[in-house]
Amino acid sequence: TSKYGTGLGPLLLGKEKGYDFHVFSDETRPLLQGARLTSYEL
């Protein structure tokens, strides 16, 4: 997206506000966006 995101947006905004989430990221085959990108961002 541009900032925060959509599906991850509440998690990134929550981090700024002091929330402590425990995220499990599916790897998302076959292009592995969850592994390469989501886990990277978080």
Full PDB file with SEQRES, HELIX, SHEET, SSBOND, CRYST1, ORIGX, SCALE, CONECT and MASTER records, all heavy atoms in Angstrom:
SEQRES   1 A   42  THR SER LYS TYR GLY THR GLY LEU GLY PRO LEU LEU LEU          
SEQRES   2 A   42  GLY LYS GLU LYS GLY TYR ASP PHE HIS VAL PHE SER ASP          
SEQRES   3 A   42  GLU THR ARG PRO LEU LEU GLN GLY ALA ARG LEU THR SER          
SEQRES   4 A   42  TYR GLU LEU                                                  
HELIX    1 AA1 GLY A    9  GLU A   16  1                                   8    
HELIX    2 AA2 GLN A   33  GLN A   33  1                                   1    
HELIX    3 AA3 GLY A   34  THR A   38  3                                   5    
HELIX    4 AA4 SER A   39  GLU A   41  1                                   3    
CRYST1    1.000    1.000    1.000  90.00  90.00  90.00 P 1           1          
ORIGX1      1.000000  0.000000  0.000000        0.00000                         
ORIGX2      0.000000  1.000000  0.000000        0.00000                         
ORIGX3      0.000000  0.000000  1.000000        0.00000                         
SCALE1      1.000000  0.000000  0.000000        0.00000                         
SCALE2      0.000000  1.000000  0.000000        0.00000                         
SCALE3      0.000000  0.000000  1.000000        0.00000                         
ATOM      1  N   THR A   1       0.852  -1.191   0.000  1.00  0.00           N  
ATOM      2  CA  THR A   1       0.000   0.000   0.000  1.00  0.00           C  
ATOM      3  C   THR A   1       0.892   1.246   0.000  1.00  0.00           C  
ATOM      4  O   THR A   1       1.747   1.400  -0.834  1.00  0.00           O  
ATOM      5  CB  THR A   1      -0.945  -0.006   1.205  1.00  0.00           C  
ATOM      6  OG1 THR A   1      -0.165  -0.031   2.420  1.00  0.00           O  
ATOM      7  CG2 THR A   1      -1.849  -1.231   1.208  1.00  0.00           C  
ATOM      8  N   SER A   2       0.646   2.143   0.946  1.00  0.00           N  
ATOM      9  CA  SER A   2       1.443   3.361   1.052  1.00  0.00           C  
ATOM     10  C   SER A   2       1.940   3.575   2.475  1.00  0.00           C  
ATOM     11  O   SER A   2       3.084   3.949   2.694  1.00  0.00           O  
ATOM     12  CB  SER A   2       0.611   4.577   0.611  1.00  0.00           C  
ATOM     13  OG  SER A   2      -0.583   4.648   1.373  1.00  0.00           O  
ATOM     14  N   LYS A   3       1.089   3.306   3.452  1.00  0.00           N  
ATOM     15  CA  LYS A   3       1.425   3.525   4.854  1.00  0.00           C  
ATOM     16  C   LYS A   3       0.550   2.613   5.700  1.00  0.00           C  
ATOM     17  O   LYS A   3      -0.653   2.556   5.488  1.00  0.00           O  
ATOM     18  CB  LYS A   3       1.192   4.996   5.226  1.00  0.00           C  
ATOM     19  CG  LYS A   3       1.412   5.338   6.687  1.00  0.00           C  
ATOM     20  CD  LYS A   3       2.886   5.271   7.078  1.00  0.00           C  
ATOM     21  CE  LYS A   3       3.109   5.761   8.507  1.00  0.00           C  
ATOM     22  NZ  LYS A   3       4.509   5.618   8.930  1.00  0.00           N  
ATOM     23  N   TYR A   4       1.142   1.919   6.642  1.00  0.00           N  
ATOM     24  CA  TYR A   4       0.459   0.973   7.519  1.00  0.00           C  
ATOM     25  C   TYR A   4       0.004  -0.278   6.764  1.00  0.00           C  
ATOM     26  O   TYR A   4       0.352  -1.396   7.117  1.00  0.00           O  
ATOM     27  CB  TYR A   4      -0.736   1.603   8.240  1.00  0.00           C  
ATOM     28  CG  TYR A   4      -0.366   2.661   9.223  1.00  0.00           C  
ATOM     29  CD1 TYR A   4      -0.826   3.966   9.076  1.00  0.00           C  
ATOM     30  CD2 TYR A   4       0.475   2.389  10.302  1.00  0.00           C  
ATOM     31  CE1 TYR A   4      -0.470   4.968   9.977  1.00  0.00           C  
ATOM     32  CE2 TYR A   4       0.841   3.374  11.212  1.00  0.00           C  
ATOM     33  CZ  TYR A   4       0.369   4.665  11.043  1.00  0.00           C  
ATOM     34  OH  TYR A   4       0.725   5.644  11.931  1.00  0.00           O  
ATOM     35  N   GLY A   5      -0.803  -0.097   5.725  1.00  0.00           N  
ATOM     36  CA  GLY A   5      -1.315  -1.243   5.004  1.00  0.00           C  
ATOM     37  C   GLY A   5      -2.782  -1.471   5.282  1.00  0.00           C  
ATOM     38  O   GLY A   5      -3.463  -0.667   5.919  1.00  0.00           O  
ATOM     39  N   THR A   6      -3.299  -2.597   4.792  1.00  0.00           N  
ATOM     40  CA  THR A   6      -4.691  -2.970   5.023  1.00  0.00           C  
ATOM     41  C   THR A   6      -4.725  -4.124   6.026  1.00  0.00           C  
ATOM     42  O   THR A   6      -4.943  -3.924   7.203  1.00  0.00           O  
ATOM     43  CB  THR A   6      -5.378  -3.347   3.702  1.00  0.00           C  
ATOM     44  OG1 THR A   6      -4.630  -4.383   3.039  1.00  0.00           O  
ATOM     45  CG2 THR A   6      -5.462  -2.135   2.792  1.00  0.00           C  
ATOM     46  N   GLY A   7      -4.421  -5.346   5.564  1.00  0.00           N  
ATOM     47  CA  GLY A   7      -4.431  -6.492   6.463  1.00  0.00           C  
ATOM     48  C   GLY A   7      -3.447  -6.388   7.612  1.00  0.00           C  
ATOM     49  O   GLY A   7      -3.712  -6.860   8.724  1.00  0.00           O  
ATOM     50  N   LEU A   8      -2.298  -5.766   7.381  1.00  0.00           N  
ATOM     51  CA  LEU A   8      -1.299  -5.596   8.449  1.00  0.00           C  
ATOM     52  C   LEU A   8      -1.431  -4.261   9.159  1.00  0.00           C  
ATOM     53  O   LEU A   8      -0.778  -4.039  10.184  1.00  0.00           O  
ATOM     54  CB  LEU A   8       0.125  -5.707   7.875  1.00  0.00           C  
ATOM     55  CG  LEU A   8       0.579  -7.052   7.319  1.00  0.00           C  
ATOM     56  CD1 LEU A   8       2.065  -7.003   6.976  1.00  0.00           C  
ATOM     57  CD2 LEU A   8       0.297  -8.176   8.295  1.00  0.00           C  
ATOM     58  N   GLY A   9      -2.255  -3.375   8.622  1.00  0.00           N  
ATOM     59  CA  GLY A   9      -2.355  -2.028   9.174  1.00  0.00           C  
ATOM     60  C   GLY A   9      -2.634  -1.959  10.667  1.00  0.00           C  
ATOM     61  O   GLY A   9      -1.948  -1.241  11.404  1.00  0.00           O  
ATOM     62  N   PRO A  10      -3.638  -2.710  11.171  1.00  0.00           N  
ATOM     63  CA  PRO A  10      -3.914  -2.656  12.610  1.00  0.00           C  
ATOM     64  C   PRO A  10      -2.733  -3.123  13.454  1.00  0.00           C  
ATOM     65  O   PRO A  10      -2.543  -2.653  14.574  1.00  0.00           O  
ATOM     66  CB  PRO A  10      -5.117  -3.596  12.768  1.00  0.00           C  
ATOM     67  CG  PRO A  10      -5.776  -3.597  11.430  1.00  0.00           C  
ATOM     68  CD  PRO A  10      -4.648  -3.492  10.447  1.00  0.00           C  
ATOM     69  N   LEU A  11      -1.935  -4.047  12.919  1.00  0.00           N  
ATOM     70  CA  LEU A  11      -0.786  -4.564  13.670  1.00  0.00           C  
ATOM     71  C   LEU A  11       0.322  -3.516  13.754  1.00  0.00           C  
ATOM     72  O   LEU A  11       0.937  -3.327  14.812  1.00  0.00           O  
ATOM     73  CB  LEU A  11      -0.259  -5.834  13.008  1.00  0.00           C  
ATOM     74  CG  LEU A  11      -1.288  -6.948  12.787  1.00  0.00           C  
ATOM     75  CD1 LEU A  11      -0.637  -8.139  12.100  1.00  0.00           C  
ATOM     76  CD2 LEU A  11      -1.921  -7.369  14.107  1.00  0.00           C  
ATOM     77  N   LEU A  12       0.580  -2.826  12.646  1.00  0.00           N  
ATOM     78  CA  LEU A  12       1.627  -1.806  12.629  1.00  0.00           C  
ATOM     79  C   LEU A  12       1.205  -0.575  13.418  1.00  0.00           C  
ATOM     80  O   LEU A  12       1.998   0.011  14.161  1.00  0.00           O  
ATOM     81  CB  LEU A  12       1.968  -1.438  11.183  1.00  0.00           C  
ATOM     82  CG  LEU A  12       2.568  -2.587  10.357  1.00  0.00           C  
ATOM     83  CD1 LEU A  12       2.690  -2.199   8.887  1.00  0.00           C  
ATOM     84  CD2 LEU A  12       3.923  -2.990  10.913  1.00  0.00           C  
ATOM     85  N   LEU A  13      -0.053  -0.179  13.278  1.00  0.00           N  
ATOM     86  CA  LEU A  13      -0.558   0.945  14.071  1.00  0.00           C  
ATOM     87  C   LEU A  13      -0.596   0.570  15.544  1.00  0.00           C  
ATOM     88  O   LEU A  13      -0.245   1.374  16.419  1.00  0.00           O  
ATOM     89  CB  LEU A  13      -1.955   1.342  13.599  1.00  0.00           C  
ATOM     90  CG  LEU A  13      -2.623   2.494  14.353  1.00  0.00           C  
ATOM     91  CD1 LEU A  13      -1.821   3.788  14.208  1.00  0.00           C  
ATOM     92  CD2 LEU A  13      -4.060   2.698  13.865  1.00  0.00           C  
ATOM     93  N   GLY A  14      -1.016  -0.663  15.818  1.00  0.00           N  
ATOM     94  CA  GLY A  14      -1.061  -1.116  17.201  1.00  0.00           C  
ATOM     95  C   GLY A  14       0.308  -1.119  17.849  1.00  0.00           C  
ATOM     96  O   GLY A  14       0.446  -0.773  19.029  1.00  0.00           O  
ATOM     97  N   LYS A  15       1.318  -1.486  17.085  1.00  0.00           N  
ATOM     98  CA  LYS A  15       2.687  -1.459  17.611  1.00  0.00           C  
ATOM     99  C   LYS A  15       3.065  -0.044  18.031  1.00  0.00           C  
ATOM    100  O   LYS A  15       3.658   0.163  19.100  1.00  0.00           O  
ATOM    101  CB  LYS A  15       3.652  -1.981  16.548  1.00  0.00           C  
ATOM    102  CG  LYS A  15       5.121  -1.938  16.955  1.00  0.00           C  
ATOM    103  CD  LYS A  15       5.410  -2.858  18.129  1.00  0.00           C  
ATOM    104  CE  LYS A  15       6.879  -2.835  18.495  1.00  0.00           C  
ATOM    105  NZ  LYS A  15       7.181  -3.721  19.643  1.00  0.00           N  
ATOM    106  N   GLU A  16       2.702   0.940  17.219  1.00  0.00           N  
ATOM    107  CA  GLU A  16       2.981   2.341  17.547  1.00  0.00           C  
ATOM    108  C   GLU A  16       2.290   2.752  18.845  1.00  0.00           C  
ATOM    109  O   GLU A  16       2.799   3.585  19.592  1.00  0.00           O  
ATOM    110  CB  GLU A  16       2.528   3.253  16.416  1.00  0.00           C  
ATOM    111  CG  GLU A  16       3.394   3.191  15.175  1.00  0.00           C  
ATOM    112  CD  GLU A  16       2.969   4.205  14.131  1.00  0.00           C  
ATOM    113  OE1 GLU A  16       2.026   4.982  14.400  1.00  0.00           O  
ATOM    114  OE2 GLU A  16       3.574   4.238  13.046  1.00  0.00           O  
ATOM    115  N   LYS A  17       1.118   2.172  19.087  1.00  0.00           N  
ATOM    116  CA  LYS A  17       0.320   2.530  20.253  1.00  0.00           C  
ATOM    117  C   LYS A  17       0.621   1.662  21.472  1.00  0.00           C  
ATOM    118  O   LYS A  17      -0.029   1.796  22.508  1.00  0.00           O  
ATOM    119  CB  LYS A  17      -1.177   2.457  19.912  1.00  0.00           C  
ATOM    120  CG  LYS A  17      -1.630   3.487  18.879  1.00  0.00           C  
ATOM    121  CD  LYS A  17      -3.105   3.345  18.582  1.00  0.00           C  
ATOM    122  CE  LYS A  17      -3.600   4.406  17.611  1.00  0.00           C  
ATOM    123  NZ  LYS A  17      -3.587   5.764  18.217  1.00  0.00           N  
ATOM    124  N   GLY A  18       1.584   0.745  21.351  1.00  0.00           N  
ATOM    125  CA  GLY A  18       1.988  -0.058  22.500  1.00  0.00           C  
ATOM    126  C   GLY A  18       1.322  -1.404  22.619  1.00  0.00           C  
ATOM    127  O   GLY A  18       1.503  -2.097  23.632  1.00  0.00           O  
ATOM    128  N   TYR A  19       0.573  -1.818  21.600  1.00  0.00           N  
ATOM    129  CA  TYR A  19      -0.038  -3.142  21.624  1.00  0.00           C  
ATOM    130  C   TYR A  19       1.044  -4.212  21.424  1.00  0.00           C  
ATOM    131  O   TYR A  19       2.026  -3.988  20.713  1.00  0.00           O  
ATOM    132  CB  TYR A  19      -1.080  -3.290  20.511  1.00  0.00           C  
ATOM    133  CG  TYR A  19      -2.395  -2.593  20.760  1.00  0.00           C  
ATOM    134  CD1 TYR A  19      -2.470  -1.202  20.815  1.00  0.00           C  
ATOM    135  CD2 TYR A  19      -3.576  -3.311  20.907  1.00  0.00           C  
ATOM    136  CE1 TYR A  19      -3.677  -0.553  21.014  1.00  0.00           C  
ATOM    137  CE2 TYR A  19      -4.793  -2.680  21.109  1.00  0.00           C  
ATOM    138  CZ  TYR A  19      -4.836  -1.293  21.161  1.00  0.00           C  
ATOM    139  OH  TYR A  19      -6.027  -0.659  21.361  1.00  0.00           O  
ATOM    140  N   ASP A  20       0.804  -5.365  22.010  1.00  0.00           N  
ATOM    141  CA  ASP A  20       1.748  -6.479  21.885  1.00  0.00           C  
ATOM    142  C   ASP A  20       1.023  -7.647  21.231  1.00  0.00           C  
ATOM    143  O   ASP A  20       0.364  -8.440  21.898  1.00  0.00           O  
ATOM    144  CB  ASP A  20       2.281  -6.877  23.266  1.00  0.00           C  
ATOM    145  CG  ASP A  20       3.325  -7.983  23.198  1.00  0.00           C  
ATOM    146  OD1 ASP A  20       3.928  -8.132  22.126  1.00  0.00           O  
ATOM    147  OD2 ASP A  20       3.514  -8.680  24.205  1.00  0.00           O  
ATOM    148  N   PHE A  21       1.124  -7.740  19.913  1.00  0.00           N  
ATOM    149  CA  PHE A  21       0.490  -8.826  19.182  1.00  0.00           C  
ATOM    150  C   PHE A  21       1.475  -9.960  18.931  1.00  0.00           C  
ATOM    151  O   PHE A  21       2.685  -9.746  18.879  1.00  0.00           O  
ATOM    152  CB  PHE A  21      -0.043  -8.323  17.827  1.00  0.00           C  
ATOM    153  CG  PHE A  21      -1.148  -7.311  17.943  1.00  0.00           C  
ATOM    154  CD1 PHE A  21      -0.992  -6.036  17.403  1.00  0.00           C  
ATOM    155  CD2 PHE A  21      -2.337  -7.623  18.569  1.00  0.00           C  
ATOM    156  CE1 PHE A  21      -2.005  -5.102  17.494  1.00  0.00           C  
ATOM    157  CE2 PHE A  21      -3.368  -6.693  18.677  1.00  0.00           C  
ATOM    158  CZ  PHE A  21      -3.190  -5.425  18.130  1.00  0.00           C  
ATOM    159  N   HIS A  22       0.941 -11.155  18.761  1.00  0.00           N  
ATOM    160  CA  HIS A  22       1.748 -12.325  18.427  1.00  0.00           C  
ATOM    161  C   HIS A  22       1.240 -12.839  17.083  1.00  0.00           C  
ATOM    162  O   HIS A  22       0.155 -13.421  17.003  1.00  0.00           O  
ATOM    163  CB  HIS A  22       1.621 -13.391  19.513  1.00  0.00           C  
ATOM    164  CG  HIS A  22       1.903 -12.863  20.887  1.00  0.00           C  
ATOM    165  ND1 HIS A  22       3.178 -12.553  21.320  1.00  0.00           N  
ATOM    166  CD2 HIS A  22       1.073 -12.559  21.914  1.00  0.00           C  
ATOM    167  CE1 HIS A  22       3.120 -12.093  22.558  1.00  0.00           C  
ATOM    168  NE2 HIS A  22       1.856 -12.081  22.941  1.00  0.00           N  
ATOM    169  N   VAL A  23       2.001 -12.583  16.039  1.00  0.00           N  
ATOM    170  CA  VAL A  23       1.552 -12.840  14.679  1.00  0.00           C  
ATOM    171  C   VAL A  23       2.127 -14.150  14.153  1.00  0.00           C  
ATOM    172  O   VAL A  23       3.317 -14.435  14.313  1.00  0.00           O  
ATOM    173  CB  VAL A  23       1.958 -11.673  13.750  1.00  0.00           C  
ATOM    174  CG1 VAL A  23       1.455 -11.927  12.333  1.00  0.00           C  
ATOM    175  CG2 VAL A  23       1.427 -10.345  14.283  1.00  0.00           C  
ATOM    176  N   PHE A  24       1.261 -14.926  13.504  1.00  0.00           N  
ATOM    177  CA  PHE A  24       1.680 -16.121  12.781  1.00  0.00           C  
ATOM    178  C   PHE A  24       1.443 -15.842  11.295  1.00  0.00           C  
ATOM    179  O   PHE A  24       0.307 -15.598  10.883  1.00  0.00           O  
ATOM    180  CB  PHE A  24       0.896 -17.351  13.244  1.00  0.00           C  
ATOM    181  CG  PHE A  24       1.238 -17.768  14.646  1.00  0.00           C  
ATOM    182  CD1 PHE A  24       0.612 -17.181  15.732  1.00  0.00           C  
ATOM    183  CD2 PHE A  24       2.201 -18.748  14.872  1.00  0.00           C  
ATOM    184  CE1 PHE A  24       0.939 -17.545  17.034  1.00  0.00           C  
ATOM    185  CE2 PHE A  24       2.528 -19.121  16.171  1.00  0.00           C  
ATOM    186  CZ  PHE A  24       1.899 -18.517  17.255  1.00  0.00           C  
ATOM    187  N   SER A  25       2.510 -15.851  10.525  1.00  0.00           N  
ATOM    188  CA  SER A  25       2.448 -15.486   9.111  1.00  0.00           C  
ATOM    189  C   SER A  25       2.532 -16.727   8.235  1.00  0.00           C  
ATOM    190  O   SER A  25       3.548 -17.425   8.223  1.00  0.00           O  
ATOM    191  CB  SER A  25       3.600 -14.524   8.771  1.00  0.00           C  
ATOM    192  OG  SER A  25       3.642 -14.253   7.391  1.00  0.00           O  
ATOM    193  N   ASP A  26       1.443 -17.025   7.508  1.00  0.00           N  
ATOM    194  CA  ASP A  26       1.503 -18.099   6.514  1.00  0.00           C  
ATOM    195  C   ASP A  26       2.536 -17.745   5.452  1.00  0.00           C  
ATOM    196  O   ASP A  26       2.592 -16.598   4.985  1.00  0.00           O  
ATOM    197  CB  ASP A  26       0.137 -18.256   5.830  1.00  0.00           C  
ATOM    198  CG  ASP A  26      -0.867 -19.004   6.678  1.00  0.00           C  
ATOM    199  OD1 ASP A  26      -0.459 -19.628   7.666  1.00  0.00           O  
ATOM    200  OD2 ASP A  26      -2.065 -18.961   6.344  1.00  0.00           O  
ATOM    201  N   GLU A  27       3.302 -18.716   5.012  1.00  0.00           N  
ATOM    202  CA  GLU A  27       4.342 -18.438   4.008  1.00  0.00           C  
ATOM    203  C   GLU A  27       3.755 -17.977   2.673  1.00  0.00           C  
ATOM    204  O   GLU A  27       4.359 -17.196   1.946  1.00  0.00           O  
ATOM    205  CB  GLU A  27       5.198 -19.680   3.782  1.00  0.00           C  
ATOM    206  CG  GLU A  27       4.413 -20.860   3.240  1.00  0.00           C  
ATOM    207  CD  GLU A  27       5.246 -22.121   3.049  1.00  0.00           C  
ATOM    208  OE1 GLU A  27       6.475 -22.028   3.086  1.00  0.00           O  
ATOM    209  OE2 GLU A  27       4.651 -23.193   2.860  1.00  0.00           O  
ATOM    210  N   THR A  28       2.561 -18.466   2.324  1.00  0.00           N  
ATOM    211  CA  THR A  28       1.824 -18.086   1.120  1.00  0.00           C  
ATOM    212  C   THR A  28       2.521 -18.545  -0.164  1.00  0.00           C  
ATOM    213  O   THR A  28       3.127 -17.753  -0.888  1.00  0.00           O  
ATOM    214  CB  THR A  28       1.559 -16.561   1.052  1.00  0.00           C  
ATOM    215  OG1 THR A  28       1.288 -16.048   2.356  1.00  0.00           O  
ATOM    216  CG2 THR A  28       0.360 -16.288   0.165  1.00  0.00           C  
ATOM    217  N   ARG A  29       2.425 -19.834  -0.415  1.00  0.00           N  
ATOM    218  CA  ARG A  29       2.937 -20.430  -1.645  1.00  0.00           C  
ATOM    219  C   ARG A  29       2.099 -19.985  -2.843  1.00  0.00           C  
ATOM    220  O   ARG A  29       0.920 -19.665  -2.674  1.00  0.00           O  
ATOM    221  CB  ARG A  29       2.877 -21.958  -1.504  1.00  0.00           C  
ATOM    222  CG  ARG A  29       3.891 -22.529  -0.545  1.00  0.00           C  
ATOM    223  CD  ARG A  29       5.172 -22.915  -1.232  1.00  0.00           C  
ATOM    224  NE  ARG A  29       4.922 -23.967  -2.210  1.00  0.00           N  
ATOM    225  CZ  ARG A  29       5.498 -24.002  -3.415  1.00  0.00           C  
ATOM    226  NH1 ARG A  29       6.341 -23.074  -3.774  1.00  0.00           N  
ATOM    227  NH2 ARG A  29       5.220 -24.986  -4.246  1.00  0.00           N  
ATOM    228  N   PRO A  30       2.655 -19.982  -4.076  1.00  0.00           N  
ATOM    229  CA  PRO A  30       4.035 -20.336  -4.378  1.00  0.00           C  
ATOM    230  C   PRO A  30       5.006 -19.146  -4.393  1.00  0.00           C  
ATOM    231  O   PRO A  30       6.206 -19.332  -4.523  1.00  0.00           O  
ATOM    232  CB  PRO A  30       3.912 -20.926  -5.790  1.00  0.00           C  
ATOM    233  CG  PRO A  30       2.829 -20.123  -6.409  1.00  0.00           C  
ATOM    234  CD  PRO A  30       1.830 -19.870  -5.301  1.00  0.00           C  
ATOM    235  N   LEU A  31       4.476 -17.933  -4.275  1.00  0.00           N  
ATOM    236  CA  LEU A  31       5.344 -16.750  -4.371  1.00  0.00           C  
ATOM    237  C   LEU A  31       5.885 -16.296  -3.022  1.00  0.00           C  
ATOM    238  O   LEU A  31       6.686 -15.365  -2.943  1.00  0.00           O  
ATOM    239  CB  LEU A  31       4.587 -15.602  -5.053  1.00  0.00           C  
ATOM    240  CG  LEU A  31       4.175 -15.904  -6.496  1.00  0.00           C  
ATOM    241  CD1 LEU A  31       3.335 -14.761  -7.072  1.00  0.00           C  
ATOM    242  CD2 LEU A  31       5.391 -16.147  -7.368  1.00  0.00           C  
ATOM    243  N   LEU A  32       5.432 -16.940  -1.952  1.00  0.00           N  
ATOM    244  CA  LEU A  32       6.012 -16.751  -0.620  1.00  0.00           C  
ATOM    245  C   LEU A  32       5.955 -15.302  -0.121  1.00  0.00           C  
ATOM    246  O   LEU A  32       6.863 -14.837   0.556  1.00  0.00           O  
ATOM    247  CB  LEU A  32       7.462 -17.255  -0.606  1.00  0.00           C  
ATOM    248  CG  LEU A  32       7.649 -18.726  -0.994  1.00  0.00           C  
ATOM    249  CD1 LEU A  32       9.132 -19.077  -1.033  1.00  0.00           C  
ATOM    250  CD2 LEU A  32       6.906 -19.645  -0.031  1.00  0.00           C  
ATOM    251  N   GLN A  33       4.841 -14.612  -0.411  1.00  0.00           N  
ATOM    252  CA  GLN A  33       4.731 -13.231   0.068  1.00  0.00           C  
ATOM    253  C   GLN A  33       4.712 -13.154   1.592  1.00  0.00           C  
ATOM    254  O   GLN A  33       5.227 -12.203   2.169  1.00  0.00           O  
ATOM    255  CB  GLN A  33       3.463 -12.568  -0.498  1.00  0.00           C  
ATOM    256  CG  GLN A  33       3.489 -12.341  -1.990  1.00  0.00           C  
ATOM    257  CD  GLN A  33       2.692 -13.393  -2.730  1.00  0.00           C  
ATOM    258  OE1 GLN A  33       2.688 -14.568  -2.335  1.00  0.00           O  
ATOM    259  NE2 GLN A  33       2.026 -13.012  -3.799  1.00  0.00           N  
ATOM    260  N   GLY A  34       4.109 -14.152   2.231  1.00  0.00           N  
ATOM    261  CA  GLY A  34       4.080 -14.143   3.688  1.00  0.00           C  
ATOM    262  C   GLY A  34       5.457 -14.320   4.284  1.00  0.00           C  
ATOM    263  O   GLY A  34       5.820 -13.681   5.275  1.00  0.00           O  
ATOM    264  N   ALA A  35       6.245 -15.189   3.656  1.00  0.00           N  
ATOM    265  CA  ALA A  35       7.602 -15.448   4.145  1.00  0.00           C  
ATOM    266  C   ALA A  35       8.540 -14.296   3.798  1.00  0.00           C  
ATOM    267  O   ALA A  35       9.235 -13.752   4.665  1.00  0.00           O  
ATOM    268  CB  ALA A  35       8.131 -16.749   3.546  1.00  0.00           C  
ATOM    269  N   ARG A  36       8.548 -13.908   2.531  1.00  0.00           N  
ATOM    270  CA  ARG A  36       9.522 -12.916   2.064  1.00  0.00           C  
ATOM    271  C   ARG A  36       9.172 -11.484   2.476  1.00  0.00           C  
ATOM    272  O   ARG A  36      10.061 -10.667   2.704  1.00  0.00           O  
ATOM    273  CB  ARG A  36       9.638 -12.963   0.535  1.00  0.00           C  
ATOM    274  CG  ARG A  36      10.140 -14.277  -0.032  1.00  0.00           C  
ATOM    275  CD  ARG A  36      10.367 -14.184  -1.532  1.00  0.00           C  
ATOM    276  NE  ARG A  36       9.175 -13.745  -2.240  1.00  0.00           N  
ATOM    277  CZ  ARG A  36       9.014 -12.525  -2.742  1.00  0.00           C  
ATOM    278  NH1 ARG A  36       9.951 -11.611  -2.614  1.00  0.00           N  
ATOM    279  NH2 ARG A  36       7.884 -12.211  -3.374  1.00  0.00           N  
ATOM    280  N   LEU A  37       7.864 -11.188   2.554  1.00  0.00           N  
ATOM    281  CA  LEU A  37       7.444  -9.806   2.723  1.00  0.00           C  
ATOM    282  C   LEU A  37       6.793  -9.512   4.078  1.00  0.00           C  
ATOM    283  O   LEU A  37       7.200  -8.600   4.783  1.00  0.00           O  
ATOM    284  CB  LEU A  37       6.489  -9.413   1.590  1.00  0.00           C  
ATOM    285  CG  LEU A  37       7.032  -9.644   0.168  1.00  0.00           C  
ATOM    286  CD1 LEU A  37       5.981  -9.289  -0.873  1.00  0.00           C  
ATOM    287  CD2 LEU A  37       8.301  -8.850  -0.058  1.00  0.00           C  
ATOM    288  N   THR A  38       5.781 -10.308   4.453  1.00  0.00           N  
ATOM    289  CA  THR A  38       5.097 -10.029   5.718  1.00  0.00           C  
ATOM    290  C   THR A  38       6.028 -10.193   6.912  1.00  0.00           C  
ATOM    291  O   THR A  38       6.114  -9.321   7.770  1.00  0.00           O  
ATOM    292  CB  THR A  38       3.868 -10.938   5.884  1.00  0.00           C  
ATOM    293  OG1 THR A  38       2.902 -10.602   4.877  1.00  0.00           O  
ATOM    294  CG2 THR A  38       3.235 -10.754   7.254  1.00  0.00           C  
ATOM    295  N   SER A  39       6.725 -11.327   6.977  1.00  0.00           N  
ATOM    296  CA  SER A  39       7.634 -11.527   8.111  1.00  0.00           C  
ATOM    297  C   SER A  39       8.753 -10.485   8.091  1.00  0.00           C  
ATOM    298  O   SER A  39       9.203 -10.008   9.140  1.00  0.00           O  
ATOM    299  CB  SER A  39       8.214 -12.944   8.100  1.00  0.00           C  
ATOM    300  OG  SER A  39       8.942 -13.203   6.920  1.00  0.00           O  
ATOM    301  N   TYR A  40       9.177 -10.097   6.900  1.00  0.00           N  
ATOM    302  CA  TYR A  40      10.198  -9.054   6.737  1.00  0.00           C  
ATOM    303  C   TYR A  40       9.702  -7.715   7.294  1.00  0.00           C  
ATOM    304  O   TYR A  40      10.388  -7.062   8.091  1.00  0.00           O  
ATOM    305  CB  TYR A  40      10.532  -8.939   5.250  1.00  0.00           C  
ATOM    306  CG  TYR A  40      11.394  -7.765   4.848  1.00  0.00           C  
ATOM    307  CD1 TYR A  40      12.781  -7.827   4.954  1.00  0.00           C  
ATOM    308  CD2 TYR A  40      10.823  -6.616   4.314  1.00  0.00           C  
ATOM    309  CE1 TYR A  40      13.581  -6.753   4.556  1.00  0.00           C  
ATOM    310  CE2 TYR A  40      11.606  -5.547   3.909  1.00  0.00           C  
ATOM    311  CZ  TYR A  40      12.975  -5.621   4.032  1.00  0.00           C  
ATOM    312  OH  TYR A  40      13.753  -4.559   3.639  1.00  0.00           O  
ATOM    313  N   GLU A  41       8.509  -7.316   6.890  1.00  0.00           N  
ATOM    314  CA  GLU A  41       7.939  -6.051   7.359  1.00  0.00           C  
ATOM    315  C   GLU A  41       7.757  -6.041   8.875  1.00  0.00           C  
ATOM    316  O   GLU A  41       8.088  -5.063   9.547  1.00  0.00           O  
ATOM    317  CB  GLU A  41       6.577  -5.804   6.701  1.00  0.00           C  
ATOM    318  CG  GLU A  41       6.638  -5.114   5.375  1.00  0.00           C  
ATOM    319  CD  GLU A  41       5.271  -4.600   4.949  1.00  0.00           C  
ATOM    320  OE1 GLU A  41       4.873  -3.526   5.440  1.00  0.00           O  
ATOM    321  OE2 GLU A  41       4.608  -5.270   4.134  1.00  0.00           O  
ATOM    322  N   LEU A  42       7.181  -7.118   9.394  1.00  0.00           N  
ATOM    323  CA  LEU A  42       6.892  -7.157  10.825  1.00  0.00           C  
ATOM    324  C   LEU A  42       8.165  -7.208  11.660  1.00  0.00           C  
ATOM    325  O   LEU A  42       8.241  -6.581  12.725  1.00  0.00           O  
ATOM    326  CB  LEU A  42       5.983  -8.344  11.143  1.00  0.00           C  
ATOM    327  CG  LEU A  42       4.570  -8.276  10.526  1.00  0.00           C  
ATOM    328  CD1 LEU A  42       3.775  -9.525  10.878  1.00  0.00           C  
ATOM    329  CD2 LEU A  42       3.827  -7.027  10.990  1.00  0.00           C  
TER     330      LEU A  42                                                      
MASTER        0    0    0    4    0    0    0    6  329    1    0    4          
END                                                                             
